[in-house]
Amino acid sequence: MGSATAAARLEATVFRVAARHLLLDLAGVLCEFDSAARLERLAAASRLETAEVDERLYGSGIVDRCDRGELDAFGIRGVLREQLGLDCDDLELARLWASAFTPDDAVLAVIDDVAPGVTRTLLTNNDALLRDTLPLVLPAVHTRIAIPLFSATTRATKPSPTAYAAALAVLGAAPPDVLFVDDSESNVDGARRMGIATIHFTSAESLGRELADAGLLG
C-alpha cells in the first residue's frame, strides 16, 4: 500500500509539472469574498434592509440566473435597478456589484511569480456584469489574467463537468496540460474527476509551495 501511495504521489507531481495552463478561481483564491459586504452596500444605496436585498437577489434566484449566463450585463443592470430601485450610473452600479471582492495581495504576489510560459486563466462562477467590467472594478486581477473564463460565458458552473470541458476547449488543452486551483472541495473534486491536476487552496503560502513543487514558478 505504501509503495502504491508513493507511486501515485510521484505520478501526480509529474502530471503537474507538465501543466501549461494555470486555472484560478476568483472568489476565495484571487480575491477574498464577502457577500455580506455586497449586500450591505447595496442596501445602503437602495435604502432597503439588508435582508430584503438578500431575498430579492439571492432568495429569488436572480444571482444564480446571472451566473448561468441567462442575463447579459445590460440585463443585470436593469434587474438590479428594478429590484432595488437604485439610482446610480453604470460604473457605480458595477462597483457596488463587485464590492464582495477584495483582491488578495499575497496571492497576487504568488501569481506574479508564475513562469512566463504558463497561461494564467480565470475560471469562475460569475456573471456577465462582473465579466464585462473586470478591468474597471478589479484591475489588479484583470492585469494578471490572460484568459478570463466566466460561467456566464460558458453557460456552465463548477463543479459541472461541462464547465471544465468548456475551459479545456477554449484553451485547446488536454487535462494533463492544466493545473486547477480552487478553495471549494467540490470544485476541486469535479476537476479531478475530469483528470485535471488540482490544488485545494487554503493560503497564499501553501499555494506558493505547491506551485513551486509543480515547477510552475519562474
C-alpha atoms as a PDB file:
ATOM      1  CA  MET A   1       0.000   0.000   0.000  1.00  0.00           C
ATOM      2  CA  GLY A   2       2.876   2.336   0.888  1.00  0.00           C
ATOM      3  CA  SER A   3       4.598   1.865  -2.458  1.00  0.00           C
ATOM      4  CA  ALA A   4       1.313   2.359  -4.311  1.00  0.00           C
ATOM      5  CA  THR A   5       0.710   5.626  -2.455  1.00  0.00           C
ATOM      6  CA  ALA A   6       4.235   6.821  -3.205  1.00  0.00           C
ATOM      7  CA  ALA A   7       3.797   5.956  -6.886  1.00  0.00           C
ATOM      8  CA  ALA A   8       0.525   7.866  -7.019  1.00  0.00           C
ATOM      9  CA  ARG A   9       2.184  10.921  -5.482  1.00  0.00           C
ATOM     10  CA  LEU A  10       5.043  10.735  -7.972  1.00  0.00           C
ATOM     11  CA  GLU A  11       2.601  10.431 -10.863  1.00  0.00           C
ATOM     12  CA  ALA A  12       0.663  13.473  -9.621  1.00  0.00           C
ATOM     13  CA  THR A  13       3.870  15.500  -9.401  1.00  0.00           C
ATOM     14  CA  VAL A  14       4.899  14.621 -12.946  1.00  0.00           C
ATOM     15  CA  PHE A  15       1.351  15.384 -14.062  1.00  0.00           C
ATOM     16  CA  ARG A  16       1.503  18.846 -12.549  1.00  0.00           C
ATOM     17  CA  VAL A  17       4.957  19.693 -13.861  1.00  0.00           C
ATOM     18  CA  ALA A  18       3.631  19.157 -17.406  1.00  0.00           C
ATOM     19  CA  ALA A  19       0.938  21.816 -16.948  1.00  0.00           C
ATOM     20  CA  ARG A  20       0.970  24.698 -19.422  1.00  0.00           C
ATOM     21  CA  HIS A  21      -2.182  26.356 -18.104  1.00  0.00           C
ATOM     22  CA  LEU A  22      -2.959  27.516 -14.582  1.00  0.00           C
ATOM     23  CA  LEU A  23      -6.713  27.793 -13.921  1.00  0.00           C
ATOM     24  CA  LEU A  24      -7.532  30.038 -10.978  1.00  0.00           C
ATOM     25  CA  ASP A  25     -10.752  30.623  -9.088  1.00  0.00           C
ATOM     26  CA  LEU A  26     -11.762  34.209  -8.334  1.00  0.00           C
ATOM     27  CA  ALA A  27     -13.748  34.248  -5.075  1.00  0.00           C
ATOM     28  CA  GLY A  28     -11.719  32.609  -2.347  1.00  0.00           C
ATOM     29  CA  VAL A  29      -8.436  32.426  -4.277  1.00  0.00           C
ATOM     30  CA  LEU A  30      -7.500  35.585  -6.187  1.00  0.00           C
ATOM     31  CA  CYS A  31      -9.916  37.600  -4.074  1.00  0.00           C
ATOM     32  CA  GLU A  32     -11.343  37.402  -0.621  1.00  0.00           C
ATOM     33  CA  PHE A  33     -15.107  37.146  -0.978  1.00  0.00           C
ATOM     34  CA  ASP A  34     -17.637  38.717   1.381  1.00  0.00           C
ATOM     35  CA  SER A  35     -21.222  38.522   0.128  1.00  0.00           C
ATOM     36  CA  ALA A  36     -22.395  40.364   3.253  1.00  0.00           C
ATOM     37  CA  ALA A  37     -20.329  43.407   2.236  1.00  0.00           C
ATOM     38  CA  ARG A  38     -22.044  43.456  -1.154  1.00  0.00           C
ATOM     39  CA  LEU A  39     -25.477  43.185   0.447  1.00  0.00           C
ATOM     40  CA  GLU A  40     -24.712  45.942   2.939  1.00  0.00           C
ATOM     41  CA  ARG A  41     -23.501  48.346   0.249  1.00  0.00           C
ATOM     42  CA  LEU A  42     -26.461  47.596  -1.984  1.00  0.00           C
ATOM     43  CA  ALA A  43     -28.796  48.053   0.974  1.00  0.00           C
ATOM     44  CA  ALA A  44     -27.262  51.428   1.792  1.00  0.00           C
ATOM     45  CA  ALA A  45     -27.569  52.556  -1.816  1.00  0.00           C
ATOM     46  CA  SER A  46     -31.158  51.335  -2.174  1.00  0.00           C
ATOM     47  CA  ARG A  47     -32.311  52.276   1.350  1.00  0.00           C
ATOM     48  CA  LEU A  48     -33.637  48.768   1.865  1.00  0.00           C
ATOM     49  CA  GLU A  49     -32.946  46.374   4.705  1.00  0.00           C
ATOM     50  CA  THR A  50     -30.039  44.021   4.044  1.00  0.00           C
ATOM     51  CA  ALA A  51     -32.310  41.006   4.481  1.00  0.00           C
ATOM     52  CA  GLU A  52     -34.667  42.391   1.861  1.00  0.00           C
ATOM     53  CA  VAL A  53     -31.833  42.873  -0.629  1.00  0.00           C
ATOM     54  CA  ASP A  54     -30.684  39.321   0.074  1.00  0.00           C
ATOM     55  CA  GLU A  55     -34.151  37.940  -0.615  1.00  0.00           C
ATOM     56  CA  ARG A  56     -34.694  39.978  -3.784  1.00  0.00           C
ATOM     57  CA  LEU A  57     -31.363  38.943  -5.307  1.00  0.00           C
ATOM     58  CA  TYR A  58     -30.276  35.631  -3.806  1.00  0.00           C
ATOM     59  CA  GLY A  59     -33.537  34.261  -2.456  1.00  0.00           C
ATOM     60  CA  SER A  60     -35.320  34.917  -5.749  1.00  0.00           C
ATOM     61  CA  GLY A  61     -32.662  33.045  -7.721  1.00  0.00           C
ATOM     62  CA  ILE A  62     -31.579  36.113  -9.701  1.00  0.00           C
ATOM     63  CA  VAL A  63     -27.903  35.713  -8.787  1.00  0.00           C
ATOM     64  CA  ASP A  64     -27.935  32.063  -9.879  1.00  0.00           C
ATOM     65  CA  ARG A  65     -29.551  33.061 -13.180  1.00  0.00           C
ATOM     66  CA  CYS A  66     -26.843  35.662 -13.709  1.00  0.00           C
ATOM     67  CA  ASP A  67     -24.072  33.149 -13.003  1.00  0.00           C
ATOM     68  CA  ARG A  68     -25.624  30.746 -15.525  1.00  0.00           C
ATOM     69  CA  GLY A  69     -25.473  33.444 -18.182  1.00  0.00           C
ATOM     70  CA  GLU A  70     -29.212  33.899 -18.543  1.00  0.00           C
ATOM     71  CA  LEU A  71     -28.775  37.690 -18.324  1.00  0.00           C
ATOM     72  CA  ASP A  72     -26.188  39.822 -20.090  1.00  0.00           C
ATOM     73  CA  ALA A  73     -24.596  42.863 -18.444  1.00  0.00           C
ATOM     74  CA  PHE A  74     -27.339  45.176 -19.703  1.00  0.00           C
ATOM     75  CA  GLY A  75     -30.000  42.835 -18.333  1.00  0.00           C
ATOM     76  CA  ILE A  76     -28.272  42.553 -14.964  1.00  0.00           C
ATOM     77  CA  ARG A  77     -28.106  46.319 -14.594  1.00  0.00           C
ATOM     78  CA  GLY A  78     -31.795  46.525 -15.432  1.00  0.00           C
ATOM     79  CA  VAL A  79     -32.738  43.835 -12.910  1.00  0.00           C
ATOM     80  CA  LEU A  80     -30.660  45.448 -10.156  1.00  0.00           C
ATOM     81  CA  ARG A  81     -32.274  48.815 -10.750  1.00  0.00           C
ATOM     82  CA  GLU A  82     -35.741  47.294 -10.944  1.00  0.00           C
ATOM     83  CA  GLN A  83     -35.403  45.088  -7.878  1.00  0.00           C
ATOM     84  CA  LEU A  84     -33.590  47.581  -5.671  1.00  0.00           C
ATOM     85  CA  GLY A  85     -34.684  50.946  -7.021  1.00  0.00           C
ATOM     86  CA  LEU A  86     -31.082  52.013  -7.499  1.00  0.00           C
ATOM     87  CA  ASP A  87     -30.397  55.457  -8.929  1.00  0.00           C
ATOM     88  CA  CYS A  88     -26.729  55.459  -9.915  1.00  0.00           C
ATOM     89  CA  ASP A  89     -24.678  55.389 -13.087  1.00  0.00           C
ATOM     90  CA  ASP A  90     -23.415  52.189 -14.698  1.00  0.00           C
ATOM     91  CA  LEU A  91     -19.904  52.414 -13.248  1.00  0.00           C
ATOM     92  CA  GLU A  92     -21.104  52.946  -9.688  1.00  0.00           C
ATOM     93  CA  LEU A  93     -23.537  50.057 -10.112  1.00  0.00           C
ATOM     94  CA  ALA A  94     -20.712  47.825 -11.300  1.00  0.00           C
ATOM     95  CA  ARG A  95     -18.604  48.840  -8.310  1.00  0.00           C
ATOM     96  CA  LEU A  96     -21.454  48.096  -5.919  1.00  0.00           C
ATOM     97  CA  TRP A  97     -21.909  44.697  -7.545  1.00  0.00           C
ATOM     98  CA  ALA A  98     -18.186  43.934  -7.290  1.00  0.00           C
ATOM     99  CA  SER A  99     -17.909  45.087  -3.687  1.00  0.00           C
ATOM    100  CA  ALA A 100     -17.944  41.491  -2.441  1.00  0.00           C
ATOM    101  CA  PHE A 101     -14.456  41.002  -3.931  1.00  0.00           C
ATOM    102  CA  THR A 102     -11.190  42.224  -2.417  1.00  0.00           C
ATOM    103  CA  PRO A 103      -8.001  41.213  -4.243  1.00  0.00           C
ATOM    104  CA  ASP A 104      -5.681  39.151  -2.053  1.00  0.00           C
ATOM    105  CA  ASP A 105      -2.299  40.845  -2.429  1.00  0.00           C
ATOM    106  CA  ALA A 106      -0.406  37.851  -1.063  1.00  0.00           C
ATOM    107  CA  VAL A 107      -1.973  35.528  -3.626  1.00  0.00           C
ATOM    108  CA  LEU A 108      -1.410  38.014  -6.440  1.00  0.00           C
ATOM    109  CA  ALA A 109       2.265  38.175  -5.484  1.00  0.00           C
ATOM    110  CA  VAL A 110       2.479  34.397  -5.870  1.00  0.00           C
ATOM    111  CA  ILE A 111       0.757  34.590  -9.252  1.00  0.00           C
ATOM    112  CA  ASP A 112       3.277  37.207 -10.353  1.00  0.00           C
ATOM    113  CA  ASP A 113       5.995  34.558  -9.975  1.00  0.00           C
ATOM    114  CA  VAL A 114       4.324  32.037 -12.294  1.00  0.00           C
ATOM    115  CA  ALA A 115       6.645  31.076 -15.142  1.00  0.00           C
ATOM    116  CA  PRO A 116       6.180  33.107 -18.358  1.00  0.00           C
ATOM    117  CA  GLY A 117       5.315  30.007 -20.392  1.00  0.00           C
ATOM    118  CA  VAL A 118       2.296  29.196 -18.215  1.00  0.00           C
ATOM    119  CA  THR A 119      -1.049  30.737 -19.220  1.00  0.00           C
ATOM    120  CA  ARG A 120      -2.898  32.253 -16.275  1.00  0.00           C
ATOM    121  CA  THR A 121      -6.608  31.643 -16.759  1.00  0.00           C
ATOM    122  CA  LEU A 122      -9.545  32.691 -14.598  1.00  0.00           C
ATOM    123  CA  LEU A 123     -12.249  30.033 -14.189  1.00  0.00           C
ATOM    124  CA  THR A 124     -15.061  31.462 -12.111  1.00  0.00           C
ATOM    125  CA  ASN A 125     -18.757  31.020 -11.441  1.00  0.00           C
ATOM    126  CA  ASN A 126     -19.737  34.610 -12.083  1.00  0.00           C
ATOM    127  CA  ASP A 127     -21.944  36.857 -14.151  1.00  0.00           C
ATOM    128  CA  ALA A 128     -21.674  38.976 -17.291  1.00  0.00           C
ATOM    129  CA  LEU A 129     -21.661  42.308 -15.462  1.00  0.00           C
ATOM    130  CA  LEU A 130     -18.569  41.391 -13.459  1.00  0.00           C
ATOM    131  CA  ARG A 131     -17.005  39.859 -16.579  1.00  0.00           C
ATOM    132  CA  ASP A 132     -17.523  42.952 -18.708  1.00  0.00           C
ATOM    133  CA  THR A 133     -16.374  45.432 -16.059  1.00  0.00           C
ATOM    134  CA  LEU A 134     -13.487  43.403 -14.621  1.00  0.00           C
ATOM    135  CA  PRO A 135     -10.801  45.838 -15.889  1.00  0.00           C
ATOM    136  CA  LEU A 136     -12.575  48.700 -14.105  1.00  0.00           C
ATOM    137  CA  VAL A 137     -13.681  47.109 -10.845  1.00  0.00           C
ATOM    138  CA  LEU A 138     -10.860  44.592 -10.260  1.00  0.00           C
ATOM    139  CA  PRO A 139      -7.887  45.886 -12.276  1.00  0.00           C
ATOM    140  CA  ALA A 140      -5.336  44.056 -10.100  1.00  0.00           C
ATOM    141  CA  VAL A 141      -6.922  40.760 -11.134  1.00  0.00           C
ATOM    142  CA  HIS A 142      -7.530  41.740 -14.751  1.00  0.00           C
ATOM    143  CA  THR A 143      -3.897  42.642 -15.440  1.00  0.00           C
ATOM    144  CA  ARG A 144      -2.683  39.263 -14.202  1.00  0.00           C
ATOM    145  CA  ILE A 145      -5.079  37.082 -16.177  1.00  0.00           C
ATOM    146  CA  ALA A 146      -4.540  36.176 -19.824  1.00  0.00           C
ATOM    147  CA  ILE A 147      -7.879  34.433 -20.345  1.00  0.00           C
ATOM    148  CA  PRO A 148     -10.935  35.206 -18.175  1.00  0.00           C
ATOM    149  CA  LEU A 149     -13.464  32.353 -18.304  1.00  0.00           C
ATOM    150  CA  PHE A 150     -16.787  33.165 -16.660  1.00  0.00           C
ATOM    151  CA  SER A 151     -19.694  30.774 -16.205  1.00  0.00           C
ATOM    152  CA  ALA A 152     -21.848  33.482 -17.782  1.00  0.00           C
ATOM    153  CA  THR A 153     -19.876  32.915 -20.984  1.00  0.00           C
ATOM    154  CA  THR A 154     -19.583  29.112 -20.904  1.00  0.00           C
ATOM    155  CA  ARG A 155     -23.137  28.700 -19.541  1.00  0.00           C
ATOM    156  CA  ALA A 156     -21.817  26.076 -17.125  1.00  0.00           C
ATOM    157  CA  THR A 157     -20.916  26.402 -13.438  1.00  0.00           C
ATOM    158  CA  LYS A 158     -18.349  24.449 -11.474  1.00  0.00           C
ATOM    159  CA  PRO A 159     -18.320  21.628 -10.460  1.00  0.00           C
ATOM    160  CA  SER A 160     -20.247  20.520 -13.562  1.00  0.00           C
ATOM    161  CA  PRO A 161     -18.030  18.547 -15.965  1.00  0.00           C
ATOM    162  CA  THR A 162     -19.283  20.877 -18.684  1.00  0.00           C
ATOM    163  CA  ALA A 163     -17.531  23.821 -17.016  1.00  0.00           C
ATOM    164  CA  TYR A 164     -14.131  22.123 -17.112  1.00  0.00           C
ATOM    165  CA  ALA A 165     -14.715  20.751 -20.606  1.00  0.00           C
ATOM    166  CA  ALA A 166     -15.510  24.277 -21.811  1.00  0.00           C
ATOM    167  CA  ALA A 167     -12.304  25.604 -20.269  1.00  0.00           C
ATOM    168  CA  LEU A 168     -10.243  22.882 -21.931  1.00  0.00           C
ATOM    169  CA  ALA A 169     -11.903  23.628 -25.264  1.00  0.00           C
ATOM    170  CA  VAL A 170     -11.145  27.355 -25.048  1.00  0.00           C
ATOM    171  CA  LEU A 171      -7.534  26.643 -24.109  1.00  0.00           C
ATOM    172  CA  GLY A 172      -7.147  23.923 -26.725  1.00  0.00           C
ATOM    173  CA  ALA A 173      -5.745  21.796 -23.929  1.00  0.00           C
ATOM    174  CA  ALA A 174      -5.995  18.260 -22.596  1.00  0.00           C
ATOM    175  CA  PRO A 175      -6.442  17.572 -18.861  1.00  0.00           C
ATOM    176  CA  PRO A 176      -2.708  16.855 -18.298  1.00  0.00           C
ATOM    177  CA  ASP A 177      -1.920  20.347 -19.645  1.00  0.00           C
ATOM    178  CA  VAL A 178      -3.806  22.045 -16.800  1.00  0.00           C
ATOM    179  CA  LEU A 179      -3.453  22.728 -13.094  1.00  0.00           C
ATOM    180  CA  PHE A 180      -6.608  23.998 -11.367  1.00  0.00           C
ATOM    181  CA  VAL A 181      -6.714  25.995  -8.103  1.00  0.00           C
ATOM    182  CA  ASP A 182      -9.932  26.450  -6.116  1.00  0.00           C
ATOM    183  CA  ASP A 183     -10.913  26.882  -2.480  1.00  0.00           C
ATOM    184  CA  SER A 184     -14.033  24.701  -2.872  1.00  0.00           C
ATOM    185  CA  GLU A 185     -13.546  20.990  -2.267  1.00  0.00           C
ATOM    186  CA  SER A 186     -16.481  20.144  -4.532  1.00  0.00           C
ATOM    187  CA  ASN A 187     -14.982  22.186  -7.376  1.00  0.00           C
ATOM    188  CA  VAL A 188     -11.595  20.558  -6.863  1.00  0.00           C
ATOM    189  CA  ASP A 189     -13.197  17.104  -6.832  1.00  0.00           C
ATOM    190  CA  GLY A 190     -15.059  17.930 -10.040  1.00  0.00           C
ATOM    191  CA  ALA A 191     -11.827  18.849 -11.797  1.00  0.00           C
ATOM    192  CA  ARG A 192     -10.094  15.715 -10.549  1.00  0.00           C
ATOM    193  CA  ARG A 193     -12.859  13.583 -11.985  1.00  0.00           C
ATOM    194  CA  MET A 194     -12.035  15.156 -15.347  1.00  0.00           C
ATOM    195  CA  GLY A 195      -8.411  14.103 -14.982  1.00  0.00           C
ATOM    196  CA  ILE A 196      -7.178  17.607 -14.167  1.00  0.00           C
ATOM    197  CA  ALA A 197      -4.461  18.084 -11.540  1.00  0.00           C
ATOM    198  CA  THR A 198      -5.605  20.312  -8.698  1.00  0.00           C
ATOM    199  CA  ILE A 199      -4.586  22.374  -5.714  1.00  0.00           C
ATOM    200  CA  HIS A 200      -7.130  22.863  -2.938  1.00  0.00           C
ATOM    201  CA  PHE A 201      -6.396  26.446  -1.954  1.00  0.00           C
ATOM    202  CA  THR A 202      -6.002  27.216   1.751  1.00  0.00           C
ATOM    203  CA  SER A 203      -3.478  30.074   1.851  1.00  0.00           C
ATOM    204  CA  ALA A 204      -1.092  32.097  -0.262  1.00  0.00           C
ATOM    205  CA  GLU A 205       1.851  30.466   1.463  1.00  0.00           C
ATOM    206  CA  SER A 206       0.743  26.918   0.689  1.00  0.00           C
ATOM    207  CA  LEU A 207      -0.149  27.915  -2.874  1.00  0.00           C
ATOM    208  CA  GLY A 208       3.357  29.228  -3.404  1.00  0.00           C
ATOM    209  CA  ARG A 209       4.895  25.998  -2.099  1.00  0.00           C
ATOM    210  CA  GLU A 210       2.648  23.787  -4.231  1.00  0.00           C
ATOM    211  CA  LEU A 211       3.216  25.793  -7.397  1.00  0.00           C
ATOM    212  CA  ALA A 212       6.964  25.656  -6.755  1.00  0.00           C
ATOM    213  CA  ASP A 213       6.774  21.878  -6.261  1.00  0.00           C
ATOM    214  CA  ALA A 214       4.842  21.651  -9.527  1.00  0.00           C
ATOM    215  CA  GLY A 215       7.597  23.550 -11.313  1.00  0.00           C
ATOM    216  CA  LEU A 216       5.330  26.402 -12.353  1.00  0.00           C
ATOM    217  CA  LEU A 217       7.123  29.315 -10.726  1.00  0.00           C
ATOM    218  CA  GLY A 218       9.680  31.256 -12.718  1.00  0.00           C
END
